[in-house]
Amino acid sequence: MTLKQLEYVVKAAEKNSVTEAAKELFIAQPSLTSAIHELEEELGITIFYRSKRGIEPTKDGDEFLGYARQVLEQTNLITERYTGKTVGKQKFCISSQHYSFVIEAFVALLKSYHGDKYEFHMRETQTYKIIEDVSHLRSEIGVLYLNRFNESIIKKTIKDNGLVFHSLFTAKPHVFIGKNNPLVEKESIMLEDLKPYPRLSYEQGSHNSFYFSEEILSTADSDKDIVVCDRATLFNLLVGLNGYTICSGVISEELNGSNIIAKPLDVDDYMEIGYILPSGIRPSLFTAKFIDNLKKTTAF
């Protein structure tokens, strides 16, 4: 196995086409095909299968590509560190539930990186997708929460996917509401106070189990439910419809403005928020720096 073979496989996966990858790599298509087949024979796996859309990674290929990308990224970092030369774009991927402190840590990471080229991904996505992304090394780190209700299921899923959960902090439940919501006058809010208002939550896709909900108390009765896919829509509906969502209460006014207010929710529950990493794989320099930024943005 060579770095060149890893580069070939990663490029083929990016392009979903051996032909297009060969063009970008400036090699003949048969040479690229042969290099991939030699690697498959050496490893005893099939990396790609053909589909109507071109080539797609197999399950084994998906896992292998995660390791291959990490090796190439680490090689680039070594080259940059000791030669001062940037080799291609530095890449780094994060998957997370919708937390403003994660965005703050991500912004700080970007500001601290002085390379000329980079491709950083910030995926605010569904809970199961976070676990899947980190398990398959599509993302180097994931951020999510545990509480009394979901802990056993989420921890089992994390363990079954070869991951480890690291706690950052534990928060008391809060409610996000718009600054003009009538409930803003209350020092703390009870569940009964929320009954007249629309409850906002994030779509969880095919794993739409209560255990994978991004909001605690998802099994509590609500007459008005609105399900969204992104933070901007949720915040706009909080303001426009006097809606609410149950959360950790951690929000950045600098990033999200002053229209959203966090109020304590009077319930006996908690949110233990932390990050997940692959077991047995040493975090990259970017991952370690991002974790350090997370700790700084949540040091309260």
Protein backbone atom coordinates (compact mmCIF):
# COMPACT_ATOMS: atom_id res chain seq x y z
CA MET A 1 0.00 0.00 0.00
CA THR A 2 1.34 3.43 -0.94
CA LEU A 3 0.32 7.03 -0.31
CA LYS A 4 -0.22 7.34 -4.06
CA GLN A 5 -2.76 4.52 -3.99
CA LEU A 6 -4.56 6.18 -1.08
CA GLU A 7 -4.64 9.44 -3.03
CA TYR A 8 -6.07 7.63 -6.07
CA VAL A 9 -8.83 5.93 -4.08
CA VAL A 10 -9.85 9.12 -2.25
CA LYS A 11 -9.97 11.09 -5.51
CA ALA A 12 -12.09 8.38 -7.18
CA ALA A 13 -14.52 8.52 -4.25
CA GLU A 14 -14.71 12.34 -4.45
CA LYS A 15 -15.51 12.24 -8.16
CA ASN A 16 -17.75 9.13 -8.04
CA SER A 17 -16.00 8.26 -11.29
CA VAL A 18 -12.72 6.57 -12.20
CA THR A 19 -12.69 8.44 -15.52
CA GLU A 20 -13.07 11.88 -13.90
CA ALA A 21 -10.57 11.04 -11.18
CA ALA A 22 -8.01 9.91 -13.75
CA LYS A 23 -8.39 13.20 -15.64
CA GLU A 24 -7.79 15.25 -12.49
CA LEU A 25 -4.86 13.08 -11.46
CA PHE A 26 -3.35 13.28 -14.98
CA ILE A 27 -3.04 9.53 -15.34
CA ALA A 28 -4.58 7.01 -17.74
CA GLN A 29 -7.87 5.47 -16.63
CA PRO A 30 -6.53 1.87 -16.93
CA SER A 31 -3.63 2.80 -14.64
CA LEU A 32 -6.00 4.16 -12.00
CA THR A 33 -8.30 1.15 -12.29
CA SER A 34 -5.30 -1.17 -11.94
CA ALA A 35 -4.01 0.71 -8.86
CA ILE A 36 -7.40 0.40 -7.15
CA HIS A 37 -7.69 -3.32 -7.98
CA GLU A 38 -4.18 -3.97 -6.65
CA LEU A 39 -5.08 -2.24 -3.39
CA GLU A 40 -8.33 -4.23 -3.11
CA GLU A 41 -6.44 -7.49 -3.64
CA GLU A 42 -3.82 -6.52 -1.04
CA LEU A 43 -6.46 -5.66 1.56
CA GLY A 44 -8.89 -8.43 0.65
CA ILE A 45 -11.85 -6.05 0.31
CA THR A 46 -13.93 -4.46 -2.43
CA ILE A 47 -13.69 -0.67 -2.14
CA PHE A 48 -16.17 0.38 -4.85
CA TYR A 49 -19.18 -0.99 -6.68
CA ARG A 50 -20.73 0.43 -9.83
CA SER A 51 -24.09 2.20 -9.74
CA LYS A 52 -26.16 4.40 -12.04
CA ARG A 53 -24.38 7.41 -10.52
CA GLY A 54 -20.91 6.05 -11.22
CA ILE A 55 -18.93 4.31 -8.49
CA GLU A 56 -20.02 4.08 -4.85
CA PRO A 57 -18.03 2.92 -1.82
CA THR A 58 -19.00 -0.44 -0.34
CA LYS A 59 -19.40 -0.73 3.43
CA ASP A 60 -15.77 -1.88 3.68
CA GLY A 61 -14.75 0.85 1.24
CA ASP A 62 -16.52 3.52 3.25
CA GLU A 63 -14.57 2.53 6.37
CA PHE A 64 -11.29 2.28 4.46
CA LEU A 65 -11.77 5.72 2.89
CA GLY A 66 -12.11 7.24 6.36
CA TYR A 67 -8.71 5.85 7.35
CA ALA A 68 -7.18 6.81 3.98
CA ARG A 69 -8.31 10.44 4.34
CA GLN A 70 -6.83 10.61 7.83
CA VAL A 71 -3.48 9.25 6.62
CA LEU A 72 -3.34 11.77 3.77
CA GLU A 73 -4.33 14.66 6.05
CA GLN A 74 -1.67 13.71 8.60
CA THR A 75 0.91 13.43 5.81
CA ASN A 76 0.01 16.92 4.61
CA LEU A 77 0.34 18.29 8.14
CA ILE A 78 3.81 16.73 8.52
CA THR A 79 4.90 18.18 5.18
CA GLU A 80 3.58 21.63 6.10
CA ARG A 81 5.13 21.51 9.57
CA TYR A 82 8.66 20.59 8.46
CA THR A 83 8.94 22.09 4.98
CA GLY A 84 6.64 25.09 5.23
CA LYS A 85 4.90 23.95 2.03
CA THR A 86 1.14 23.47 1.89
CA VAL A 87 0.23 20.30 0.00
CA GLY A 88 -3.30 20.69 -1.34
CA LYS A 89 -6.20 21.64 0.90
CA GLN A 90 -6.24 20.76 4.55
CA LYS A 91 -9.52 19.02 5.36
CA PHE A 92 -11.37 18.70 8.64
CA CYS A 93 -14.94 17.57 9.33
CA ILE A 94 -17.20 17.93 12.39
CA SER A 95 -20.70 16.52 12.93
CA SER A 96 -22.84 17.99 15.68
CA GLN A 97 -26.27 18.65 17.04
CA HIS A 98 -27.33 22.29 16.77
CA TYR A 99 -25.20 24.09 19.37
CA SER A 100 -23.92 27.65 19.05
CA PHE A 101 -20.87 26.89 21.24
CA VAL A 102 -19.79 24.32 18.63
CA ILE A 103 -19.94 27.03 15.96
CA GLU A 104 -17.88 29.32 18.23
CA ALA A 105 -15.24 26.61 18.61
CA PHE A 106 -15.29 25.99 14.86
CA VAL A 107 -14.84 29.72 14.12
CA ALA A 108 -11.91 29.87 16.57
CA LEU A 109 -10.31 26.87 14.83
CA LEU A 110 -10.56 28.54 11.44
CA LYS A 111 -9.14 31.80 12.78
CA SER A 112 -6.17 29.98 14.27
CA TYR A 113 -5.34 28.15 11.02
CA HIS A 114 -3.10 30.22 8.78
CA GLY A 115 -2.77 27.91 5.80
CA ASP A 116 -3.52 29.20 2.31
CA LYS A 117 -5.93 26.39 1.42
CA TYR A 118 -8.45 24.45 3.44
CA GLU A 119 -11.78 22.65 3.24
CA PHE A 120 -13.50 22.45 6.63
CA HIS A 121 -16.96 20.90 7.04
CA MET A 122 -19.35 21.87 9.84
CA ARG A 123 -22.25 19.41 9.70
CA GLU A 124 -25.19 20.23 11.95
CA THR A 125 -27.09 17.02 11.47
CA GLN A 126 -29.27 14.28 12.95
CA THR A 127 -28.22 12.41 16.08
CA TYR A 128 -27.76 8.98 14.49
CA LYS A 129 -26.00 10.58 11.51
CA ILE A 130 -23.44 12.12 13.91
CA ILE A 131 -22.62 8.67 15.29
CA GLU A 132 -22.49 7.21 11.78
CA ASP A 133 -20.26 10.01 10.45
CA VAL A 134 -17.66 9.57 13.19
CA SER A 135 -17.86 5.77 13.06
CA HIS A 136 -17.12 5.79 9.33
CA LEU A 137 -14.49 8.55 9.77
CA ARG A 138 -16.39 10.95 7.54
CA SER A 139 -16.08 13.31 10.52
CA GLU A 140 -13.25 13.33 13.01
CA ILE A 141 -15.42 14.31 15.97
CA GLY A 142 -19.12 14.49 16.86
CA VAL A 143 -20.98 16.51 19.51
CA LEU A 144 -24.23 15.36 21.13
CA TYR A 145 -25.94 15.02 24.52
CA LEU A 146 -27.00 12.33 26.98
CA ASN A 147 -29.71 12.48 29.61
CA ARG A 148 -31.55 10.12 31.92
CA PHE A 149 -33.99 9.08 29.18
CA ASN A 150 -31.65 8.38 26.25
CA GLU A 151 -28.36 7.54 27.96
CA SER A 152 -28.52 3.73 27.84
CA ILE A 153 -29.60 3.63 24.17
CA ILE A 154 -27.18 6.32 22.94
CA LYS A 155 -24.23 4.91 24.89
CA LYS A 156 -24.92 1.42 23.52
CA THR A 157 -25.12 2.80 19.96
CA ILE A 158 -21.88 4.73 20.48
CA LYS A 159 -20.10 1.64 21.84
CA ASP A 160 -21.47 -0.63 19.10
CA ASN A 161 -20.01 1.76 16.52
CA GLY A 162 -16.53 1.66 18.04
CA LEU A 163 -16.72 5.13 19.58
CA VAL A 164 -16.12 6.70 22.99
CA PHE A 165 -18.12 9.51 24.63
CA HIS A 166 -16.21 12.29 26.45
CA SER A 167 -18.20 14.64 28.67
CA LEU A 168 -17.81 18.42 28.31
CA PHE A 169 -20.39 19.79 30.77
CA THR A 170 -23.79 19.11 32.26
CA ALA A 171 -26.53 21.71 31.83
CA LYS A 172 -29.93 22.18 33.40
CA PRO A 173 -32.74 22.21 30.83
CA HIS A 174 -33.74 25.59 29.38
CA VAL A 175 -36.25 26.88 26.89
CA PHE A 176 -35.36 29.05 23.92
CA ILE A 177 -38.06 31.61 23.17
CA GLY A 178 -38.25 34.85 21.19
CA LYS A 179 -37.64 38.07 23.12
CA ASN A 180 -41.28 39.14 22.57
CA ASN A 181 -42.80 35.89 23.82
CA PRO A 182 -45.11 36.55 26.83
CA LEU A 183 -43.14 33.94 28.80
CA VAL A 184 -40.05 36.15 28.74
CA GLU A 185 -41.26 37.86 31.92
CA LYS A 186 -41.00 34.63 33.93
CA GLU A 187 -37.81 33.85 35.84
CA SER A 188 -38.33 30.14 35.14
CA ILE A 189 -40.83 28.24 33.02
CA MET A 190 -42.91 25.17 33.82
CA LEU A 191 -44.12 22.61 31.30
CA GLU A 192 -47.71 23.77 31.78
CA ASP A 193 -46.68 27.29 30.73
CA LEU A 194 -45.63 25.95 27.32
CA LYS A 195 -48.96 24.30 26.43
CA PRO A 196 -50.39 27.21 24.34
CA TYR A 197 -47.24 27.59 22.23
CA PRO A 198 -45.86 25.62 19.25
CA ARG A 199 -43.05 23.19 20.12
CA LEU A 200 -40.14 23.23 17.66
CA SER A 201 -37.83 20.27 17.15
CA TYR A 202 -35.27 18.99 14.66
CA GLU A 203 -36.06 16.30 12.09
CA GLN A 204 -34.27 13.00 12.83
CA GLY A 205 -34.82 11.21 9.51
CA SER A 206 -35.16 7.43 9.41
CA HIS A 207 -33.99 7.16 13.04
CA ASN A 208 -36.83 9.32 14.31
CA SER A 209 -36.93 7.53 17.67
CA PHE A 210 -37.56 9.50 20.84
CA TYR A 211 -34.17 8.25 22.05
CA PHE A 212 -32.42 10.06 19.17
CA SER A 213 -34.36 13.31 19.58
CA GLU A 214 -32.18 16.39 19.86
CA GLU A 215 -34.58 17.87 22.43
CA ILE A 216 -35.14 16.38 25.87
CA LEU A 217 -38.70 15.64 27.05
CA SER A 218 -39.65 14.76 23.47
CA THR A 219 -42.26 12.32 24.79
CA ALA A 220 -44.12 15.11 26.66
CA ASP A 221 -47.54 15.87 25.21
CA SER A 222 -47.78 18.83 22.83
CA ASP A 223 -50.80 19.97 20.79
CA LYS A 224 -48.71 22.01 18.34
CA ASP A 225 -45.56 20.49 16.88
CA ILE A 226 -43.34 21.95 14.17
CA VAL A 227 -40.40 19.90 12.90
CA VAL A 228 -37.54 21.63 11.05
CA CYS A 229 -34.17 20.72 9.56
CA ASP A 230 -31.98 23.74 10.29
CA ARG A 231 -31.17 26.23 13.02
CA ALA A 232 -32.10 29.38 11.05
CA THR A 233 -35.63 28.11 10.37
CA LEU A 234 -36.08 27.09 14.00
CA PHE A 235 -34.95 30.48 15.29
CA ASN A 236 -37.14 32.34 12.79
CA LEU A 237 -40.18 30.34 13.90
CA LEU A 238 -39.34 30.90 17.56
CA VAL A 239 -39.61 34.62 16.91
CA GLY A 240 -42.37 34.66 14.28
CA LEU A 241 -44.77 32.19 15.93
CA ASN A 242 -43.87 32.59 19.61
CA GLY A 243 -42.66 29.02 19.51
CA TYR A 244 -40.22 27.32 21.86
CA THR A 245 -37.64 24.56 21.93
CA ILE A 246 -36.12 22.78 24.92
CA CYS A 247 -32.33 22.99 25.03
CA SER A 248 -29.17 23.41 27.10
CA GLY A 249 -29.60 27.18 27.35
CA VAL A 250 -26.12 27.87 25.95
CA ILE A 251 -26.33 30.43 23.16
CA SER A 252 -23.99 32.99 21.62
CA GLU A 253 -25.54 36.43 21.26
CA GLU A 254 -22.60 37.41 19.07
CA LEU A 255 -23.46 34.69 16.54
CA ASN A 256 -27.24 34.47 16.96
CA GLY A 257 -28.26 38.01 17.87
CA SER A 258 -30.40 39.17 20.78
CA ASN A 259 -33.81 37.96 19.54
CA ILE A 260 -33.54 34.56 21.25
CA ILE A 261 -33.78 34.29 25.04
CA ALA A 262 -32.91 31.26 27.20
CA LYS A 263 -35.11 30.65 30.24
CA PRO A 264 -34.64 27.90 32.88
CA LEU A 265 -37.15 25.05 32.63
CA ASP A 266 -38.44 23.82 35.99
CA VAL A 267 -38.02 20.05 35.52
CA ASP A 268 -35.95 17.34 37.17
CA ASP A 269 -33.66 16.53 34.27
CA TYR A 270 -30.26 17.36 32.80
CA MET A 271 -28.27 17.43 29.54
CA GLU A 272 -24.76 16.00 29.63
CA ILE A 273 -23.14 17.37 26.49
CA GLY A 274 -19.95 15.88 25.15
CA TYR A 275 -18.05 14.72 22.11
CA ILE A 276 -17.51 11.32 20.53
CA LEU A 277 -14.28 10.02 19.01
CA PRO A 278 -13.26 6.73 17.38
CA SER A 279 -11.86 4.30 19.94
CA GLY A 280 -8.17 3.56 19.55
CA ILE A 281 -7.42 6.35 17.06
CA ARG A 282 -5.30 9.24 18.24
CA PRO A 283 -7.01 12.60 17.56
CA SER A 284 -5.45 14.70 14.79
CA LEU A 285 -3.93 18.10 15.56
CA PHE A 286 -7.08 19.79 14.24
CA THR A 287 -9.29 17.58 16.42
CA ALA A 288 -7.19 18.26 19.51
CA LYS A 289 -7.34 22.02 18.85
CA PHE A 290 -11.08 21.88 18.28
CA ILE A 291 -11.58 20.00 21.56
CA ASP A 292 -9.51 22.66 23.33
CA ASN A 293 -11.74 25.34 21.77
CA LEU A 294 -14.87 23.46 22.88
CA LYS A 295 -13.61 23.43 26.46
CA LYS A 296 -12.88 27.15 26.33
CA THR A 297 -16.31 28.07 24.89
CA THR A 298 -18.08 25.96 27.54
CA ALA A 299 -16.01 27.05 30.56
CA PHE A 300 -18.79 28.69 32.54
